[in-house]
Structures are given as C-alpha cells and as structure tokens.
C-alpha cells in the first residue's frame, strides 16, 4: 500500500477518537482541530517508518501525547495532566482518556449498526433522555413494546462490546481495556478481516 492510502485509512479509523480526546484536553475546538491536523501530518510523514502494523495504535498514541506536550510547552501552560513527570512516565491518565475515547468511538459504531427499530428508541431514551412514555406515544408503540425495544438495543450493544477485541471482561463481567488497536476487530471496524 502507498503512504497516502495508509494515511487515509488511519484517518478513517482514528481521527474521530483523536479529536474527541484532544477536545477533552485543550477545550478549544480550533486548537483541537489544529492539533489534529499537525498529528496527521506527522503520521503521514512517518507512517513509512512503522515496521509492525500491529503497533499502529500505540505509535499514534505516542504521537498524540508528544503533540499535546509540545502544545502546552509552546503556550507555557501549566497543567497537572501533562506535567513533565507524567508525560515521561507511562501516563496512565492519558491512557484512560484514550480508552474513554475508544469506548465512545466504538459505542457510536455499535449504535449505528443497530436495526432502526432498536436504534431510534434507544437513542431517544438513553442519549436524548426523553421519557419512554413520550417516545412510545411519538412512535405509535405501546409503552411495554418501547421498553422492550430499548432493552433489546442495550443487549445488542452489550453483545458487541463482549465480542469487540478492544475490550476484555473479567469473571465478574466488568469491562476493562483490551487492545486500543481496532484495526483487526470485525466488530468495531467492519472493514477488518
């Protein structure tokens, strides 16, 4: 594959997650967009040096962290989130933020993959936080029928999280971070093998 195609694929796969992460760190939409552009210029210029495609996500994560560090240094901003010590260490807080962005990205994909009859009630109920009785009336469904569709939608999303290689769950059923590399996951990346 040529570098341009690789950059486009990386953009399609990671840009939304990275932008969400950046918005959480810099708070200014314009700054986040500028940083996103700088990050993808670095990715494009250096993607040919990446020897192991399985290390793509950690490699991108490092570029994002370094770009944020540079952003704060240039602006002489002091922040507890990106002080020297945490930037040079394993930076688990940044990892948690990237993991949260990954969850958000996967959740959006999962919701989009739901059949309409489950997606619409779930979005109205759980995301837009409308009352289920009002939704049922609006959709011409019985209240119990609507509740059933919302529950079924939630169950389908839970099943997708269970199957997704980005997440693992312990014996108690609690989800924890798996691999942030969704490239090979057929659940959150439908183009994967």
Protein backbone atom coordinates (compact mmCIF):
# COMPACT_ATOMS: atom_id res chain seq x y z
CA UNK A 1 0.00 0.00 0.00
CA UNK A 2 1.18 3.51 -0.67
CA UNK A 3 1.61 6.03 2.15
CA UNK A 4 -1.34 8.16 1.03
CA UNK A 5 -3.70 5.21 1.22
CA UNK A 6 -2.32 4.26 4.65
CA UNK A 7 -2.84 7.81 5.91
CA UNK A 8 -6.42 7.83 4.63
CA UNK A 9 -7.14 4.52 6.34
CA UNK A 10 -5.60 5.79 9.58
CA UNK A 11 -7.67 8.97 9.29
CA UNK A 12 -10.88 7.00 8.79
CA UNK A 13 -10.12 4.73 11.72
CA UNK A 14 -8.67 7.11 14.31
CA UNK A 15 -9.48 10.77 13.56
CA UNK A 16 -12.78 10.84 15.46
CA UNK A 17 -11.28 9.24 18.55
CA UNK A 18 -8.24 11.51 18.48
CA UNK A 19 -10.34 14.65 18.00
CA UNK A 20 -12.58 13.72 20.94
CA UNK A 21 -9.53 13.11 23.08
CA UNK A 22 -7.97 16.43 22.05
CA UNK A 23 -11.19 18.34 22.78
CA UNK A 24 -11.09 16.93 26.29
CA UNK A 25 -7.52 18.15 26.76
CA UNK A 26 -7.41 21.59 25.12
CA UNK A 27 -11.07 22.69 25.40
CA UNK A 28 -10.82 24.97 22.35
CA UNK A 29 -12.29 23.45 19.18
CA UNK A 30 -9.92 25.41 16.90
CA UNK A 31 -6.86 24.32 18.88
CA UNK A 32 -8.04 20.70 18.81
CA UNK A 33 -8.56 20.88 15.04
CA UNK A 34 -5.11 22.45 14.55
CA UNK A 35 -3.52 19.75 16.70
CA UNK A 36 -5.41 17.04 14.81
CA UNK A 37 -4.05 18.41 11.55
CA UNK A 38 -0.49 18.54 12.94
CA UNK A 39 -0.80 14.98 14.24
CA UNK A 40 -1.93 13.65 10.88
CA UNK A 41 0.88 15.50 9.09
CA UNK A 42 3.30 13.70 11.43
CA UNK A 43 1.52 10.40 10.82
CA UNK A 44 1.61 10.91 7.04
CA UNK A 45 5.29 11.91 7.03
CA UNK A 46 6.36 8.99 9.22
CA UNK A 47 3.95 6.13 8.51
CA UNK A 48 6.53 4.53 6.23
CA UNK A 49 8.84 4.07 9.22
CA UNK A 50 6.33 1.93 11.13
CA UNK A 51 7.55 -1.63 10.72
CA UNK A 52 4.89 -3.53 12.67
CA UNK A 53 1.31 -2.62 11.72
CA UNK A 54 0.10 -4.21 14.98
CA UNK A 55 1.79 -1.33 16.82
CA UNK A 56 -0.13 1.33 14.89
CA UNK A 57 -2.42 2.38 17.77
CA UNK A 58 0.38 2.74 20.37
CA UNK A 59 2.50 4.58 17.79
CA UNK A 60 -0.36 7.03 17.12
CA UNK A 61 -0.97 7.37 20.87
CA UNK A 62 2.67 8.40 21.33
CA UNK A 63 2.38 11.00 18.54
CA UNK A 64 -0.76 12.41 20.18
CA UNK A 65 0.92 12.59 23.60
CA UNK A 66 4.03 14.24 22.20
CA UNK A 67 1.96 16.74 20.22
CA UNK A 68 -0.02 17.68 23.33
CA UNK A 69 3.19 18.10 25.30
CA UNK A 70 4.54 20.40 22.58
CA UNK A 71 1.24 22.32 22.54
CA UNK A 72 1.43 23.02 26.28
CA UNK A 73 5.13 23.84 26.20
CA UNK A 74 4.66 26.36 23.40
CA UNK A 75 1.92 28.11 25.32
CA UNK A 76 3.67 27.88 28.68
CA UNK A 77 0.54 26.37 30.13
CA UNK A 78 0.89 24.62 33.42
CA UNK A 79 -1.32 21.63 33.83
CA UNK A 80 -1.39 18.73 36.20
CA UNK A 81 -2.49 16.46 33.38
CA UNK A 82 0.64 16.99 31.32
CA UNK A 83 3.42 17.80 33.75
CA UNK A 84 6.95 16.57 32.96
CA UNK A 85 6.78 13.58 35.27
CA UNK A 86 3.51 12.14 33.95
CA UNK A 87 4.48 12.78 30.34
CA UNK A 88 7.71 10.86 30.74
CA UNK A 89 6.13 8.03 32.74
CA UNK A 90 3.57 5.58 31.47
CA UNK A 91 0.91 8.32 31.74
CA UNK A 92 -1.98 6.11 32.81
CA UNK A 93 -4.33 9.11 32.96
CA UNK A 94 -3.73 9.79 29.26
CA UNK A 95 -4.19 6.08 28.56
CA UNK A 96 -7.51 6.19 30.41
CA UNK A 97 -8.58 9.20 28.36
CA UNK A 98 -7.66 7.46 25.12
CA UNK A 99 -9.51 4.36 26.34
CA UNK A 100 -12.59 6.50 27.06
CA UNK A 101 -12.35 7.96 23.57
CA UNK A 102 -12.11 4.43 22.20
CA UNK A 103 -15.25 3.43 24.12
CA UNK A 104 -17.10 6.45 22.75
CA UNK A 105 -15.97 5.69 19.22
CA UNK A 106 -16.96 2.03 19.48
CA UNK A 107 -20.30 2.92 21.08
CA UNK A 108 -21.16 5.22 18.17
CA UNK A 109 -20.31 2.45 15.69
CA UNK A 110 -22.35 -0.06 17.69
CA UNK A 111 -25.38 2.23 17.88
CA UNK A 112 -25.16 2.91 14.14
CA UNK A 113 -25.15 -0.84 13.49
CA UNK A 114 -28.40 -1.45 15.38
CA UNK A 115 -31.50 -2.09 13.29
CA UNK A 116 -33.66 1.07 13.05
CA UNK A 117 -36.42 -0.37 15.21
CA UNK A 118 -33.98 -0.67 18.14
CA UNK A 119 -31.65 2.24 17.39
CA UNK A 120 -34.25 5.02 17.34
CA UNK A 121 -35.91 4.15 20.68
CA UNK A 122 -32.53 3.62 22.33
CA UNK A 123 -31.12 6.95 21.11
CA UNK A 124 -34.25 8.85 22.14
CA UNK A 125 -34.32 7.20 25.55
CA UNK A 126 -30.68 6.86 26.55
CA UNK A 127 -28.93 9.63 24.62
CA UNK A 128 -31.56 12.32 24.21
CA UNK A 129 -33.01 11.32 27.61
CA UNK A 130 -36.66 11.60 26.61
CA UNK A 131 -39.27 9.90 28.75
CA UNK A 132 -40.08 6.44 27.45
CA UNK A 133 -43.83 7.04 27.69
CA UNK A 134 -43.45 10.11 25.43
CA UNK A 135 -41.31 8.14 22.98
CA UNK A 136 -43.84 5.33 22.85
CA UNK A 137 -46.60 7.81 22.06
CA UNK A 138 -44.45 9.56 19.44
CA UNK A 139 -43.58 6.26 17.74
CA UNK A 140 -47.07 4.79 17.99
CA UNK A 141 -45.93 1.91 20.20
CA UNK A 142 -47.22 0.55 23.46
CA UNK A 143 -45.18 1.55 26.48
CA UNK A 144 -44.14 -2.06 27.13
CA UNK A 145 -43.26 -2.51 23.44
CA UNK A 146 -40.99 0.52 23.55
CA UNK A 147 -39.34 -0.62 26.79
CA UNK A 148 -38.74 -3.97 25.14
CA UNK A 149 -37.03 -2.37 22.12
CA UNK A 150 -34.81 -0.20 24.31
CA UNK A 151 -33.78 -3.23 26.39
CA UNK A 152 -33.12 -5.28 23.25
CA UNK A 153 -30.99 -2.46 21.80
CA UNK A 154 -28.97 -2.27 25.01
CA UNK A 155 -28.49 -6.02 24.98
CA UNK A 156 -27.30 -5.98 21.36
CA UNK A 157 -24.77 -3.25 22.17
CA UNK A 158 -23.53 -5.20 25.20
CA UNK A 159 -23.05 -8.25 22.96
CA UNK A 160 -20.99 -6.14 20.53
CA UNK A 161 -18.78 -4.91 23.39
CA UNK A 162 -18.30 -8.52 24.54
CA UNK A 163 -17.20 -9.55 21.04
CA UNK A 164 -15.03 -6.46 20.42
CA UNK A 165 -11.29 -7.11 20.76
CA UNK A 166 -10.80 -3.57 22.10
CA UNK A 167 -12.28 -4.69 25.41
CA UNK A 168 -11.91 -7.61 27.76
CA UNK A 169 -14.11 -8.52 30.68
CA UNK A 170 -13.23 -10.19 33.92
CA UNK A 171 -15.01 -13.05 35.68
CA UNK A 172 -17.45 -10.54 37.22
CA UNK A 173 -18.43 -9.27 33.77
CA UNK A 174 -16.73 -5.90 34.26
CA UNK A 175 -15.20 -4.49 31.07
CA UNK A 176 -11.58 -3.37 31.07
CA UNK A 177 -9.20 -2.14 28.42
CA UNK A 178 -8.14 -4.68 25.87
CA UNK A 179 -6.33 -3.55 22.75
CA UNK A 180 -6.76 0.02 21.52
CA UNK A 181 -5.94 -1.35 18.08
CA UNK A 182 -9.35 -1.79 16.49
CA UNK A 183 -7.76 -2.41 13.09
CA UNK A 184 -8.31 -6.17 13.26
CA UNK A 185 -11.61 -6.12 15.14
CA UNK A 186 -14.52 -7.07 12.90
CA UNK A 187 -16.99 -5.69 15.45
CA UNK A 188 -15.93 -2.01 15.65
CA UNK A 189 -14.12 -1.98 12.30
CA UNK A 190 -16.41 -3.68 9.77
CA UNK A 191 -13.64 -3.49 7.14
CA UNK A 192 -11.39 -5.85 9.16
CA UNK A 193 -10.83 -9.45 8.13
